[in-house]
PDB file of N, CA and C in Angstrom:
ATOM      1  N   MET A   1     -16.133  -6.667  14.649  1.00  0.00           N
ATOM      2  CA  MET A   1     -15.302  -5.590  14.272  1.00  0.00           C
ATOM      3  C   MET A   1     -14.828  -5.963  12.803  1.00  0.00           C
ATOM      4  N   LYS A   2     -15.000  -4.985  11.983  1.00  0.00           N
ATOM      5  CA  LYS A   2     -14.552  -5.180  10.584  1.00  0.00           C
ATOM      6  C   LYS A   2     -13.093  -4.883  10.448  1.00  0.00           C
ATOM      7  N   MET A   3     -12.353  -5.653   9.652  1.00  0.00           N
ATOM      8  CA  MET A   3     -10.957  -5.360   9.350  1.00  0.00           C
ATOM      9  C   MET A   3     -10.830  -4.959   7.892  1.00  0.00           C
ATOM     10  N   TYR A   4      -9.982  -4.090   7.536  1.00  0.00           N
ATOM     11  CA  TYR A   4      -9.677  -3.759   6.184  1.00  0.00           C
ATOM     12  C   TYR A   4      -8.307  -4.300   5.895  1.00  0.00           C
ATOM     13  N   LYS A   5      -8.129  -4.757   4.618  1.00  0.00           N
ATOM     14  CA  LYS A   5      -6.842  -5.277   4.301  1.00  0.00           C
ATOM     15  C   LYS A   5      -6.389  -4.709   2.974  1.00  0.00           C
ATOM     16  N   ALA A   6      -5.093  -4.400   2.786  1.00  0.00           N
ATOM     17  CA  ALA A   6      -4.622  -4.031   1.482  1.00  0.00           C
ATOM     18  C   ALA A   6      -4.084  -5.405   0.904  1.00  0.00           C
ATOM     19  N   VAL A   7      -4.659  -5.814  -0.120  1.00  0.00           N
ATOM     20  CA  VAL A   7      -4.440  -7.061  -0.743  1.00  0.00           C
ATOM     21  C   VAL A   7      -3.820  -6.827  -2.182  1.00  0.00           C
ATOM     22  N   GLY A   8      -2.851  -7.669  -2.587  1.00  0.00           N
ATOM     23  CA  GLY A   8      -2.333  -7.541  -3.810  1.00  0.00           C
ATOM     24  C   GLY A   8      -3.280  -7.986  -4.968  1.00  0.00           C
ATOM     25  N   TRP A   9      -3.326  -7.257  -6.057  1.00  0.00           N
ATOM     26  CA  TRP A   9      -4.238  -7.356  -7.088  1.00  0.00           C
ATOM     27  C   TRP A   9      -4.101  -8.794  -7.722  1.00  0.00           C
ATOM     28  N   HIS A  10      -2.902  -9.293  -7.947  1.00  0.00           N
ATOM     29  CA  HIS A  10      -2.716 -10.546  -8.684  1.00  0.00           C
ATOM     30  C   HIS A  10      -2.457 -11.677  -7.678  1.00  0.00           C
ATOM     31  N   SER A  11      -1.560 -11.485  -6.758  1.00  0.00           N
ATOM     32  CA  SER A  11      -1.148 -12.496  -5.806  1.00  0.00           C
ATOM     33  C   SER A  11      -2.096 -12.829  -4.645  1.00  0.00           C
ATOM     34  N   GLN A  12      -3.010 -11.873  -4.435  1.00  0.00           N
ATOM     35  CA  GLN A  12      -3.830 -11.874  -3.229  1.00  0.00           C
ATOM     36  C   GLN A  12      -3.030 -11.930  -1.965  1.00  0.00           C
ATOM     37  N   ASN A  13      -1.701 -11.416  -1.988  1.00  0.00           N
ATOM     38  CA  ASN A  13      -0.951 -11.334  -0.691  1.00  0.00           C
ATOM     39  C   ASN A  13      -1.523 -10.161   0.098  1.00  0.00           C
ATOM     40  N   GLU A  14      -1.480 -10.432   1.380  1.00  0.00           N
ATOM     41  CA  GLU A  14      -1.950  -9.339   2.274  1.00  0.00           C
ATOM     42  C   GLU A  14      -0.718  -8.478   2.578  1.00  0.00           C
ATOM     43  N   TYR A  15      -0.875  -7.161   2.447  1.00  0.00           N
ATOM     44  CA  TYR A  15       0.252  -6.360   2.786  1.00  0.00           C
ATOM     45  C   TYR A  15       0.135  -5.669   4.123  1.00  0.00           C
ATOM     46  N   MET A  16      -1.146  -5.222   4.314  1.00  0.00           N
ATOM     47  CA  MET A  16      -1.381  -4.377   5.508  1.00  0.00           C
ATOM     48  C   MET A  16      -2.791  -4.552   6.015  1.00  0.00           C
ATOM     49  N   ALA A  17      -3.058  -4.518   7.259  1.00  0.00           N
ATOM     50  CA  ALA A  17      -4.472  -4.677   7.784  1.00  0.00           C
ATOM     51  C   ALA A  17      -4.604  -3.518   8.864  1.00  0.00           C
ATOM     52  N   GLY A  18      -5.886  -3.115   8.971  1.00  0.00           N
ATOM     53  CA  GLY A  18      -6.217  -2.143   9.971  1.00  0.00           C
ATOM     54  C   GLY A  18      -7.751  -2.174  10.279  1.00  0.00           C
ATOM     55  N   ASN A  19      -8.131  -1.386  11.273  1.00  0.00           N
ATOM     56  CA  ASN A  19      -9.595  -1.422  11.673  1.00  0.00           C
ATOM     57  C   ASN A  19     -10.458  -0.503  10.827  1.00  0.00           C
ATOM     58  N   THR A  20      -9.851   0.486  10.206  1.00  0.00           N
ATOM     59  CA  THR A  20     -10.592   1.282   9.292  1.00  0.00           C
ATOM     60  C   THR A  20      -9.740   1.597   8.045  1.00  0.00           C
ATOM     61  N   LEU A  21     -10.485   2.075   7.051  1.00  0.00           N
ATOM     62  CA  LEU A  21      -9.736   2.373   5.747  1.00  0.00           C
ATOM     63  C   LEU A  21      -8.669   3.351   5.967  1.00  0.00           C
ATOM     64  N   ALA A  22      -8.998   4.425   6.745  1.00  0.00           N
ATOM     65  CA  ALA A  22      -7.859   5.375   7.062  1.00  0.00           C
ATOM     66  C   ALA A  22      -6.692   4.822   7.714  1.00  0.00           C
ATOM     67  N   ASP A  23      -7.030   3.806   8.653  1.00  0.00           N
ATOM     68  CA  ASP A  23      -5.974   3.164   9.444  1.00  0.00           C
ATOM     69  C   ASP A  23      -5.015   2.439   8.447  1.00  0.00           C
ATOM     70  N   VAL A  24      -5.533   1.696   7.567  1.00  0.00           N
ATOM     71  CA  VAL A  24      -4.844   1.023   6.512  1.00  0.00           C
ATOM     72  C   VAL A  24      -3.962   1.882   5.798  1.00  0.00           C
ATOM     73  N   MET A  25      -4.560   2.999   5.277  1.00  0.00           N
ATOM     74  CA  MET A  25      -3.833   3.954   4.428  1.00  0.00           C
ATOM     75  C   MET A  25      -2.684   4.593   5.178  1.00  0.00           C
ATOM     76  N   ARG A  26      -2.981   4.894   6.388  1.00  0.00           N
ATOM     77  CA  ARG A  26      -1.951   5.508   7.242  1.00  0.00           C
ATOM     78  C   ARG A  26      -0.794   4.646   7.453  1.00  0.00           C
ATOM     79  N   LYS A  27      -1.155   3.369   7.621  1.00  0.00           N
ATOM     80  CA  LYS A  27       0.047   2.370   7.979  1.00  0.00           C
ATOM     81  C   LYS A  27       0.699   2.166   6.643  1.00  0.00           C
ATOM     82  N   LEU A  28       0.136   2.088   5.491  1.00  0.00           N
ATOM     83  CA  LEU A  28       0.731   2.065   4.268  1.00  0.00           C
ATOM     84  C   LEU A  28       1.748   3.179   3.953  1.00  0.00           C
ATOM     85  N   GLN A  29       1.196   4.328   4.215  1.00  0.00           N
ATOM     86  CA  GLN A  29       2.087   5.507   4.066  1.00  0.00           C
ATOM     87  C   GLN A  29       3.285   5.536   4.898  1.00  0.00           C
ATOM     88  N   LYS A  30       3.160   5.072   6.169  1.00  0.00           N
ATOM     89  CA  LYS A  30       4.202   5.102   7.178  1.00  0.00           C
ATOM     90  C   LYS A  30       5.178   4.009   6.820  1.00  0.00           C
ATOM     91  N   ALA A  31       4.728   2.933   6.360  1.00  0.00           N
ATOM     92  CA  ALA A  31       5.715   1.717   5.960  1.00  0.00           C
ATOM     93  C   ALA A  31       6.313   2.119   4.684  1.00  0.00           C
ATOM     94  N   TYR A  32       5.586   2.697   3.866  1.00  0.00           N
ATOM     95  CA  TYR A  32       6.148   2.939   2.421  1.00  0.00           C
ATOM     96  C   TYR A  32       5.877   4.429   2.050  1.00  0.00           C
ATOM     97  N   PRO A  33       6.797   5.341   2.650  1.00  0.00           N
ATOM     98  CA  PRO A  33       6.586   6.749   2.344  1.00  0.00           C
ATOM     99  C   PRO A  33       6.627   7.028   0.822  1.00  0.00           C
ATOM    100  N   ALA A  34       5.956   8.023   0.406  1.00  0.00           N
ATOM    101  CA  ALA A  34       6.013   8.486  -0.976  1.00  0.00           C
ATOM    102  C   ALA A  34       7.414   8.604  -1.414  1.00  0.00           C
ATOM    103  N   PRO A  35       7.671   7.882  -2.588  1.00  0.00           N
ATOM    104  CA  PRO A  35       9.109   7.848  -3.102  1.00  0.00           C
ATOM    105  C   PRO A  35       9.627   9.264  -3.379  1.00  0.00           C
ATOM    106  N   LYS A  36      10.827   9.487  -3.045  1.00  0.00           N
ATOM    107  CA  LYS A  36      11.379  10.808  -3.460  1.00  0.00           C
ATOM    108  C   LYS A  36      11.972  10.703  -4.852  1.00  0.00           C
ATOM    109  N   ARG A  37      12.042  11.738  -5.513  1.00  0.00           N
ATOM    110  CA  ARG A  37      12.547  11.771  -6.822  1.00  0.00           C
ATOM    111  C   ARG A  37      14.112  11.391  -6.805  1.00  0.00           C
ATOM    112  N   THR A  38      14.352  10.277  -7.613  1.00  0.00           N
ATOM    113  CA  THR A  38      15.719   9.805  -7.596  1.00  0.00           C
ATOM    114  C   THR A  38      16.604  10.609  -8.516  1.00  0.00           C
ATOM    115  N   SER A  39      17.878  10.436  -8.389  1.00  0.00           N
ATOM    116  CA  SER A  39      18.851  11.236  -9.210  1.00  0.00           C
ATOM    117  C   SER A  39      18.778  10.819 -10.693  1.00  0.00           C
ATOM    118  N   ARG A  40      18.202   9.654 -10.992  1.00  0.00           N
ATOM    119  CA  ARG A  40      18.042   9.212 -12.404  1.00  0.00           C
ATOM    120  C   ARG A  40      16.774   9.825 -12.931  1.00  0.00           C
ATOM    121  N   GLY A  41      15.922  10.521 -12.128  1.00  0.00           N
ATOM    122  CA  GLY A  41      14.860  11.220 -12.549  1.00  0.00           C
ATOM    123  C   GLY A  41      13.562  10.292 -12.767  1.00  0.00           C
ATOM    124  N   HIS A  42      13.522   9.114 -12.184  1.00  0.00           N
ATOM    125  CA  HIS A  42      12.385   8.276 -12.104  1.00  0.00           C
ATOM    126  C   HIS A  42      11.420   8.713 -11.080  1.00  0.00           C
ATOM    127  N   SER A  43      10.491   9.402 -11.517  1.00  0.00           N
ATOM    128  CA  SER A  43       9.490  10.083 -10.611  1.00  0.00           C
ATOM    129  C   SER A  43       8.453   9.101 -10.056  1.00  0.00           C
ATOM    130  N   LYS A  44       8.196   8.161 -10.827  1.00  0.00           N
ATOM    131  CA  LYS A  44       7.071   7.083 -10.386  1.00  0.00           C
ATOM    132  C   LYS A  44       7.828   5.738 -10.241  1.00  0.00           C
ATOM    133  N   GLN A  45       8.034   5.415  -8.957  1.00  0.00           N
ATOM    134  CA  GLN A  45       8.605   4.144  -8.723  1.00  0.00           C
ATOM    135  C   GLN A  45       7.625   3.396  -7.829  1.00  0.00           C
ATOM    136  N   HIS A  46       7.314   2.233  -8.336  1.00  0.00           N
ATOM    137  CA  HIS A  46       6.284   1.378  -7.657  1.00  0.00           C
ATOM    138  C   HIS A  46       6.916   0.718  -6.459  1.00  0.00           C
ATOM    139  N   ILE A  47       6.215   0.951  -5.235  1.00  0.00           N
ATOM    140  CA  ILE A  47       6.727   0.455  -4.101  1.00  0.00           C
ATOM    141  C   ILE A  47       6.418  -1.129  -3.934  1.00  0.00           C
ATOM    142  N   TYR A  48       5.271  -1.459  -4.560  1.00  0.00           N
ATOM    143  CA  TYR A  48       4.773  -2.868  -4.607  1.00  0.00           C
ATOM    144  C   TYR A  48       5.004  -3.243  -5.972  1.00  0.00           C
ATOM    145  N   ASP A  49       5.080  -4.634  -6.067  1.00  0.00           N
ATOM    146  CA  ASP A  49       5.226  -5.144  -7.410  1.00  0.00           C
ATOM    147  C   ASP A  49       3.888  -5.295  -8.121  1.00  0.00           C
ATOM    148  N   GLU A  50       2.791  -4.916  -7.481  1.00  0.00           N
ATOM    149  CA  GLU A  50       1.484  -5.022  -8.075  1.00  0.00           C
ATOM    150  C   GLU A  50       0.546  -4.041  -7.492  1.00  0.00           C
ATOM    151  N   PRO A  51      -0.496  -3.611  -8.150  1.00  0.00           N
ATOM    152  CA  PRO A  51      -1.443  -2.658  -7.483  1.00  0.00           C
ATOM    153  C   PRO A  51      -2.119  -3.358  -6.332  1.00  0.00           C
ATOM    154  N   LEU A  52      -2.561  -2.579  -5.381  1.00  0.00           N
ATOM    155  CA  LEU A  52      -3.270  -3.127  -4.225  1.00  0.00           C
ATOM    156  C   LEU A  52      -4.675  -2.700  -4.183  1.00  0.00           C
ATOM    157  N   ILE A  53      -5.450  -3.476  -3.633  1.00  0.00           N
ATOM    158  CA  ILE A  53      -7.046  -3.196  -3.466  1.00  0.00           C
ATOM    159  C   ILE A  53      -7.274  -3.255  -1.979  1.00  0.00           C
ATOM    160  N   ILE A  54      -8.017  -2.416  -1.488  1.00  0.00           N
ATOM    161  CA  ILE A  54      -8.513  -2.553  -0.169  1.00  0.00           C
ATOM    162  C   ILE A  54      -9.700  -3.279   0.007  1.00  0.00           C
ATOM    163  N   LYS A  55      -9.777  -4.359   0.869  1.00  0.00           N
ATOM    164  CA  LYS A  55     -10.923  -5.139   0.985  1.00  0.00           C
ATOM    165  C   LYS A  55     -11.318  -5.216   2.400  1.00  0.00           C
ATOM    166  N   LYS A  56     -12.620  -5.410   2.665  1.00  0.00           N
ATOM    167  CA  LYS A  56     -13.124  -5.502   4.091  1.00  0.00           C
ATOM    168  C   LYS A  56     -13.039  -6.999   4.482  1.00  0.00           C
TER     169      LYS A  56
END
């Protein structure tokens, strides 16, 4: 059985794992819902300190 992992671009930290790509994405969205617009108007807030890559 293949596992997919969301891994940090720089640190190689593992953030989330799942059986399918969709599974990983769903877990990521559940754990880190899309940020709401803040009162200060920062529309783009990074949830993670680094970009993530999905690996098999």
